[in-house]
Amino acid sequence: MSITVIKMFTILFTLFIPSIFSGISIDNNDGLEHLTKSYTAIYNDTCVISDPLAGQIDQMVLYHNRRLGFHGSVLVVKDGSPIYARSIGYADLKSKERLNRNSSFELASVSKQFTAYAIMMLQERGLIQYDDPIDNYLCSLPFKGVTIRHLLNHTSGVQNYMWLLENKWIKEHAPSNKEVVNFIGEHGMYMNFKAGSRFSYSNTGYVLLAAIIEEVSGKSYGSFIEENIFTPLCMYTASVGKSDSKQLTGFQTGRNYSRRLKPTIHDNAFGDKGIYASIWDLYKWNKEVSNPKLLDKPTVLEAFKPAIVNRRKINYGFGFRLMEDNKGSYIYHHGLWNGFRTTYSMNLDENTTIVVLNHTNSKAKTPLVKRLDRIVNS
């Protein structure tokens, strides 16, 4: 890269000339160079910059890409505006196709907050109540005394549906939510504890919530989420399920190899996972969570109330984990599924949000999130 180009980038950074979302959009295909202190000379993709912290953030993202194998997208929002956004690394580790700002990642368990939001919509419309027994809607299930609220905050005690499918499902296709519910009813599942007595994280609970959404709305889970959340929020690259090649595939990586991970028997059951989105979709989602338009504010705040069980340091609301530390109060969720590792984390006191999406099994995501949090919320 020439000295003239470096100087030009330096001037742009200094002046913060507004472009997309009041940041700077820089496209540069020079490739990955050695990590240096020359912040403005190292872009290999599109990056948005609009805050002095962006330099520190970018160096941290670069380090995790080059040294720890991070291939993904990062978004940092402060006071409602993006101060940093970057996609780095490869969309396909075989063909070396690069990630970009519209790359769509499987959100894994970050999907749960969308399921919870849809349930809150049904409640606000008077179609359900949080304390309704779930057998009002899913009568084939063997669970007694379990309410919608129990499913939302992981206090239901229901067992893991994934084990049941992996050991007893013999059909070639991956079952839908309705088929999962019927299969549970046919084979039976025990409860691990009395509903409401304690917390135990449950993917089953959110698959059942998706089934309730389908039963009450008369629509598929995907159609309901698209019509009531994605479309009004203009989340153009978001989808439920992997509909085409635009959505990324998860990769397993090692020292000298990478391989695409194959579909699983669980990929057609949604609610607990299965939503694909880009960082810009999640920027729009973050605006809704911060300043809701689709729901009344009191309805959304209900999602941030902890389930008061076991006096846990890290608690759970509706689709969000809840935590307080010396940097403030957080609503957040991590995701891990079939090669994808994801995080959505909002500091309510500092009005900041960090989104990190990765589509390899590299463990770089977790330390990256922690280090970004120290930079942004210190």
Foldseek 3Di string as FASTA:
>chain_A
DDPVVLVVLVVCQVVQCQDPLSFDWDAAQPDADDQDLSQSPGDRGTKTADDPLQSVLVSLVSCCCPPQPFFWWKWKDFPLTTHMIDGAFALDPVVRHHDHQFAKEWQFQLLQLLLLVLVLLCVVVVLDPQADALCVQLVLAPQPPAGNQLLQFQQRQWDALVVVCVVPPDDPAQDELVVSSVSCSVPPTDGRDHGLAAHDDYLNSQLSSQSSSCRRVVDHSFVSSCVQPCVVLVQPSKGFADDDPSHGFFWEDDDPDIDTFDDDSNQNRDRSIRMIGGVVSVSSVLVCLLPNDSDDPVSSVQQQDFSPHPVDQWGGGGSWIWHQDPLAIKTKDWRDDNRKTWIWIAHPVRRMIMTIIGRGPGPSVVVSVVVVCVSRRD
